[in-house]
């Protein structure tokens, strides 16, 4: 990846963390709600699959927590919340894991 793509990916990660932090008390956070926010409000040209990949990455880094629940008519659905480390990254208390 070139530096521009890396920067765009880092911005997306930060926007996802901000969105989850602000909205998790109001409604369950799903990949499709984050995708909708990024494409409609933030005007990003990003696919649902890419958002799903970024969410998985943030969960693996310990910045988000994913719980799977059964939703009638939809099956297993993942819901996301921000972790304490995710808040600390946003507040610049700790660096983003794995970044220089």
N, C-alpha and C. Protein backbone atom coordinates (compact mmCIF):
# COMPACT_ATOMS: atom_id res chain seq x y z
N UNK A 1 0.84 -1.18 0.00
CA UNK A 1 0.00 0.00 0.00
C UNK A 1 0.88 1.25 0.00
N UNK A 2 0.41 2.25 -0.70
CA UNK A 2 1.17 3.49 -0.73
C UNK A 2 0.76 4.37 0.46
N UNK A 3 1.54 5.41 0.75
CA UNK A 3 1.25 6.26 1.92
C UNK A 3 -0.15 6.89 1.91
N UNK A 4 -0.66 7.22 0.74
CA UNK A 4 -1.99 7.81 0.65
C UNK A 4 -3.06 6.81 1.07
N UNK A 5 -2.93 5.57 0.63
CA UNK A 5 -3.89 4.53 1.00
C UNK A 5 -3.81 4.22 2.49
N UNK A 6 -2.61 4.19 3.02
CA UNK A 6 -2.44 3.94 4.45
C UNK A 6 -3.08 5.05 5.26
N UNK A 7 -2.87 6.29 4.85
CA UNK A 7 -3.48 7.43 5.55
C UNK A 7 -5.00 7.37 5.50
N UNK A 8 -5.56 7.04 4.35
CA UNK A 8 -7.01 6.94 4.21
C UNK A 8 -7.56 5.83 5.11
N UNK A 9 -6.83 4.73 5.20
CA UNK A 9 -7.26 3.62 6.06
C UNK A 9 -7.21 4.03 7.53
N UNK A 10 -6.19 4.77 7.92
CA UNK A 10 -6.09 5.24 9.30
C UNK A 10 -7.22 6.22 9.63
N UNK A 11 -7.56 7.09 8.69
CA UNK A 11 -8.67 8.02 8.90
C UNK A 11 -9.99 7.25 9.06
N UNK A 12 -10.18 6.23 8.25
CA UNK A 12 -11.39 5.41 8.34
C UNK A 12 -11.46 4.75 9.72
N UNK A 13 -10.35 4.20 10.18
CA UNK A 13 -10.32 3.57 11.50
C UNK A 13 -10.73 4.56 12.59
N UNK A 14 -10.19 5.76 12.54
CA UNK A 14 -10.52 6.77 13.53
C UNK A 14 -11.98 7.19 13.45
N UNK A 15 -12.52 7.34 12.25
CA UNK A 15 -13.92 7.70 12.10
C UNK A 15 -14.83 6.60 12.65
N UNK A 16 -14.46 5.35 12.42
CA UNK A 16 -15.23 4.22 12.95
C UNK A 16 -15.23 4.27 14.47
N UNK A 17 -14.06 4.46 15.07
CA UNK A 17 -13.97 4.51 16.52
C UNK A 17 -14.80 5.67 17.09
N UNK A 18 -14.72 6.83 16.45
CA UNK A 18 -15.52 7.99 16.90
C UNK A 18 -17.01 7.67 16.82
N UNK A 19 -17.43 7.10 15.71
CA UNK A 19 -18.85 6.78 15.53
C UNK A 19 -19.34 5.80 16.59
N UNK A 20 -18.60 4.73 16.80
CA UNK A 20 -19.01 3.73 17.78
C UNK A 20 -19.06 4.35 19.17
N UNK A 21 -18.07 5.14 19.49
CA UNK A 21 -18.03 5.78 20.83
C UNK A 21 -19.25 6.66 21.05
N UNK A 22 -19.61 7.45 20.06
CA UNK A 22 -20.71 8.39 20.22
C UNK A 22 -22.09 7.72 20.16
N UNK A 23 -22.22 6.67 19.38
CA UNK A 23 -23.54 6.10 19.12
C UNK A 23 -23.89 4.86 19.92
N UNK A 24 -22.94 4.20 20.56
CA UNK A 24 -23.22 2.92 21.19
C UNK A 24 -24.25 3.01 22.31
N UNK A 25 -24.41 4.16 22.95
CA UNK A 25 -25.42 4.29 23.99
C UNK A 25 -26.80 4.53 23.42
N UNK A 26 -26.87 4.95 22.15
CA UNK A 26 -28.15 5.26 21.52
C UNK A 26 -28.78 4.09 20.80
N UNK A 27 -27.95 3.25 20.20
CA UNK A 27 -28.47 2.14 19.40
C UNK A 27 -27.38 1.09 19.23
N UNK A 28 -27.79 -0.15 18.97
CA UNK A 28 -26.77 -1.17 18.68
C UNK A 28 -26.01 -0.82 17.39
N UNK A 29 -24.71 -0.97 17.42
CA UNK A 29 -23.87 -0.62 16.28
C UNK A 29 -23.57 -1.86 15.46
N UNK A 30 -23.91 -1.80 14.19
CA UNK A 30 -23.67 -2.89 13.25
C UNK A 30 -22.81 -2.37 12.10
N UNK A 31 -22.24 -3.29 11.35
CA UNK A 31 -21.40 -2.90 10.22
C UNK A 31 -22.19 -2.06 9.22
N UNK A 32 -23.44 -2.43 8.96
CA UNK A 32 -24.21 -1.67 7.97
C UNK A 32 -24.50 -0.25 8.43
N UNK A 33 -24.66 -0.03 9.74
CA UNK A 33 -24.90 1.34 10.22
C UNK A 33 -23.62 2.18 10.09
N UNK A 34 -22.48 1.57 10.34
CA UNK A 34 -21.21 2.28 10.18
C UNK A 34 -20.96 2.59 8.70
N UNK A 35 -21.24 1.62 7.85
CA UNK A 35 -21.08 1.83 6.40
C UNK A 35 -21.97 2.98 5.93
N UNK A 36 -23.20 3.00 6.39
CA UNK A 36 -24.12 4.08 6.02
C UNK A 36 -23.58 5.43 6.48
N UNK A 37 -23.08 5.50 7.69
CA UNK A 37 -22.50 6.74 8.20
C UNK A 37 -21.32 7.20 7.35
N UNK A 38 -20.42 6.27 7.06
CA UNK A 38 -19.22 6.63 6.30
C UNK A 38 -19.55 7.08 4.88
N UNK A 39 -20.52 6.44 4.24
CA UNK A 39 -20.82 6.78 2.85
C UNK A 39 -21.76 7.99 2.73
N UNK A 40 -22.71 8.13 3.63
CA UNK A 40 -23.69 9.22 3.50
C UNK A 40 -23.29 10.49 4.24
N UNK A 41 -22.75 10.35 5.44
CA UNK A 41 -22.41 11.53 6.22
C UNK A 41 -20.97 11.98 5.94
N UNK A 42 -20.04 11.05 5.96
CA UNK A 42 -18.63 11.38 5.75
C UNK A 42 -18.24 11.40 4.28
N UNK A 43 -19.16 10.98 3.41
CA UNK A 43 -18.96 11.01 1.95
C UNK A 43 -17.74 10.21 1.49
N UNK A 44 -17.55 9.06 2.11
CA UNK A 44 -16.44 8.18 1.71
C UNK A 44 -16.93 7.18 0.68
N UNK A 45 -16.11 6.92 -0.28
CA UNK A 45 -16.40 5.91 -1.30
C UNK A 45 -15.79 4.60 -0.80
N UNK A 46 -16.59 3.83 -0.05
CA UNK A 46 -16.09 2.64 0.62
C UNK A 46 -17.15 1.54 0.55
N UNK A 47 -16.71 0.31 0.38
CA UNK A 47 -17.67 -0.80 0.27
C UNK A 47 -17.99 -1.37 1.65
N UNK A 48 -19.11 -2.06 1.73
CA UNK A 48 -19.51 -2.72 2.96
C UNK A 48 -18.47 -3.76 3.37
N UNK A 49 -17.91 -4.46 2.41
CA UNK A 49 -16.88 -5.45 2.69
C UNK A 49 -15.63 -4.84 3.30
N UNK A 50 -15.24 -3.67 2.79
CA UNK A 50 -14.07 -2.99 3.34
C UNK A 50 -14.33 -2.54 4.77
N UNK A 51 -15.52 -2.03 5.04
CA UNK A 51 -15.88 -1.62 6.40
C UNK A 51 -15.84 -2.84 7.32
N UNK A 52 -16.38 -3.94 6.86
CA UNK A 52 -16.37 -5.17 7.65
C UNK A 52 -14.93 -5.61 7.95
N UNK A 53 -14.04 -5.51 6.99
CA UNK A 53 -12.63 -5.84 7.20
C UNK A 53 -11.99 -4.92 8.24
N UNK A 54 -12.27 -3.63 8.16
CA UNK A 54 -11.72 -2.68 9.12
C UNK A 54 -12.25 -2.96 10.52
N UNK A 55 -13.52 -3.33 10.62
CA UNK A 55 -14.11 -3.64 11.92
C UNK A 55 -13.41 -4.86 12.52
N UNK A 56 -13.18 -5.87 11.71
CA UNK A 56 -12.46 -7.05 12.18
C UNK A 56 -11.06 -6.71 12.65
N UNK A 57 -10.40 -5.82 11.92
CA UNK A 57 -9.06 -5.38 12.30
C UNK A 57 -9.09 -4.66 13.64
N UNK A 58 -10.05 -3.77 13.83
CA UNK A 58 -10.15 -3.02 15.09
C UNK A 58 -10.49 -3.94 16.26
N UNK A 59 -11.28 -4.97 16.00
CA UNK A 59 -11.57 -5.96 17.05
C UNK A 59 -10.29 -6.72 17.39
N UNK A 60 -9.55 -7.15 16.36
CA UNK A 60 -8.30 -7.87 16.59
C UNK A 60 -7.28 -7.04 17.36
N UNK A 61 -7.27 -5.74 17.16
CA UNK A 61 -6.36 -4.84 17.87
C UNK A 61 -6.83 -4.52 19.28
N UNK A 62 -8.03 -4.96 19.63
CA UNK A 62 -8.56 -4.73 20.98
C UNK A 62 -9.19 -3.37 21.18
N UNK A 63 -9.49 -2.67 20.08
CA UNK A 63 -10.08 -1.34 20.19
C UNK A 63 -11.60 -1.38 20.16
N UNK A 64 -12.15 -2.44 19.60
CA UNK A 64 -13.59 -2.66 19.58
C UNK A 64 -13.87 -4.06 20.12
N UNK A 65 -15.08 -4.21 20.63
CA UNK A 65 -15.53 -5.52 21.08
C UNK A 65 -16.74 -5.90 20.22
N UNK A 66 -16.74 -7.13 19.73
CA UNK A 66 -17.85 -7.62 18.91
C UNK A 66 -18.61 -8.70 19.68
N UNK A 67 -19.92 -8.56 19.72
CA UNK A 67 -20.76 -9.61 20.30
C UNK A 67 -21.75 -10.04 19.23
N UNK A 68 -21.99 -11.34 19.17
CA UNK A 68 -22.91 -11.88 18.18
C UNK A 68 -24.22 -12.24 18.86
N UNK A 69 -25.31 -11.76 18.28
CA UNK A 69 -26.64 -12.03 18.81
C UNK A 69 -27.53 -12.52 17.69
N UNK A 70 -28.51 -13.32 18.06
CA UNK A 70 -29.50 -13.81 17.12
C UNK A 70 -30.56 -12.74 16.91
N UNK A 71 -30.80 -12.37 15.67
CA UNK A 71 -31.84 -11.40 15.32
C UNK A 71 -32.85 -12.15 14.45
N UNK A 72 -34.11 -12.24 14.91
CA UNK A 72 -35.11 -12.95 14.11
C UNK A 72 -35.21 -12.39 12.70
N UNK A 73 -35.21 -13.27 11.74
CA UNK A 73 -35.29 -12.87 10.34
C UNK A 73 -33.95 -12.55 9.70
N UNK A 74 -32.91 -12.38 10.52
CA UNK A 74 -31.58 -12.04 10.00
C UNK A 74 -30.53 -13.07 10.37
N UNK A 75 -30.74 -13.78 11.47
CA UNK A 75 -29.75 -14.74 11.93
C UNK A 75 -28.77 -14.10 12.88
N UNK A 76 -27.55 -14.61 12.89
CA UNK A 76 -26.50 -14.07 13.76
C UNK A 76 -26.03 -12.72 13.23
N UNK A 77 -26.04 -11.72 14.11
CA UNK A 77 -25.61 -10.37 13.74
C UNK A 77 -24.59 -9.92 14.78
N UNK A 78 -23.50 -9.29 14.30
CA UNK A 78 -22.48 -8.75 15.21
C UNK A 78 -22.82 -7.32 15.56
N UNK A 79 -22.69 -7.03 16.85
CA UNK A 79 -22.85 -5.68 17.37
C UNK A 79 -21.52 -5.26 17.99
N UNK A 80 -21.19 -3.99 17.86
CA UNK A 80 -19.88 -3.50 18.27
C UNK A 80 -19.98 -2.44 19.37
N UNK A 81 -19.02 -2.49 20.29
CA UNK A 81 -18.84 -1.45 21.30
C UNK A 81 -17.36 -1.12 21.36
N UNK A 82 -17.06 0.06 21.84
CA UNK A 82 -15.66 0.47 21.95
C UNK A 82 -15.11 -0.01 23.29
N UNK A 83 -13.85 -0.36 23.29
CA UNK A 83 -13.19 -0.80 24.52
C UNK A 83 -12.51 0.38 25.19
N UNK A 84 -11.99 0.14 26.39
CA UNK A 84 -11.25 1.18 27.10
C UNK A 84 -10.01 1.59 26.29
N UNK A 85 -9.34 0.61 25.68
CA UNK A 85 -8.19 0.94 24.83
C UNK A 85 -8.60 1.79 23.63
N UNK A 86 -9.76 1.50 23.06
CA UNK A 86 -10.26 2.30 21.94
C UNK A 86 -10.50 3.74 22.35
N UNK A 87 -11.05 3.95 23.54
CA UNK A 87 -11.24 5.32 24.05
C UNK A 87 -9.89 6.01 24.27
N UNK A 88 -8.95 5.25 24.84
CA UNK A 88 -7.64 5.83 25.09
C UNK A 88 -6.92 6.22 23.80
N UNK A 89 -7.09 5.43 22.75
CA UNK A 89 -6.51 5.77 21.45
C UNK A 89 -7.13 7.06 20.93
N UNK A 90 -8.45 7.18 21.02
CA UNK A 90 -9.11 8.41 20.55
C UNK A 90 -8.69 9.63 21.36
N UNK A 91 -8.49 9.43 22.66
CA UNK A 91 -8.09 10.54 23.53
C UNK A 91 -6.58 10.80 23.50
N UNK A 92 -5.86 10.03 22.67
CA UNK A 92 -4.40 10.16 22.50
C UNK A 92 -3.64 9.86 23.80
N UNK A 93 -4.23 9.01 24.65
CA UNK A 93 -3.55 8.58 25.87
C UNK A 93 -2.53 7.50 25.54
N UNK A 94 -2.89 6.61 24.60
CA UNK A 94 -1.97 5.58 24.14
C UNK A 94 -1.92 5.64 22.60
N UNK A 95 -0.83 5.17 22.01
CA UNK A 95 -0.77 5.16 20.54
C UNK A 95 -1.61 4.04 19.97
N UNK A 96 -1.98 4.18 18.72
CA UNK A 96 -2.73 3.14 18.03
C UNK A 96 -1.84 1.90 17.97
N UNK A 97 -2.34 0.75 18.41
CA UNK A 97 -1.49 -0.46 18.41
C UNK A 97 -0.97 -0.81 17.00
N UNK A 98 0.33 -1.02 16.92
CA UNK A 98 0.94 -1.42 15.66
C UNK A 98 1.32 -0.29 14.73
N UNK A 99 1.09 0.95 15.15
CA UNK A 99 1.47 2.10 14.31
C UNK A 99 2.64 2.82 14.93
N UNK A 100 3.42 3.43 14.07
CA UNK A 100 4.61 4.19 14.54
C UNK A 100 4.22 5.56 15.00
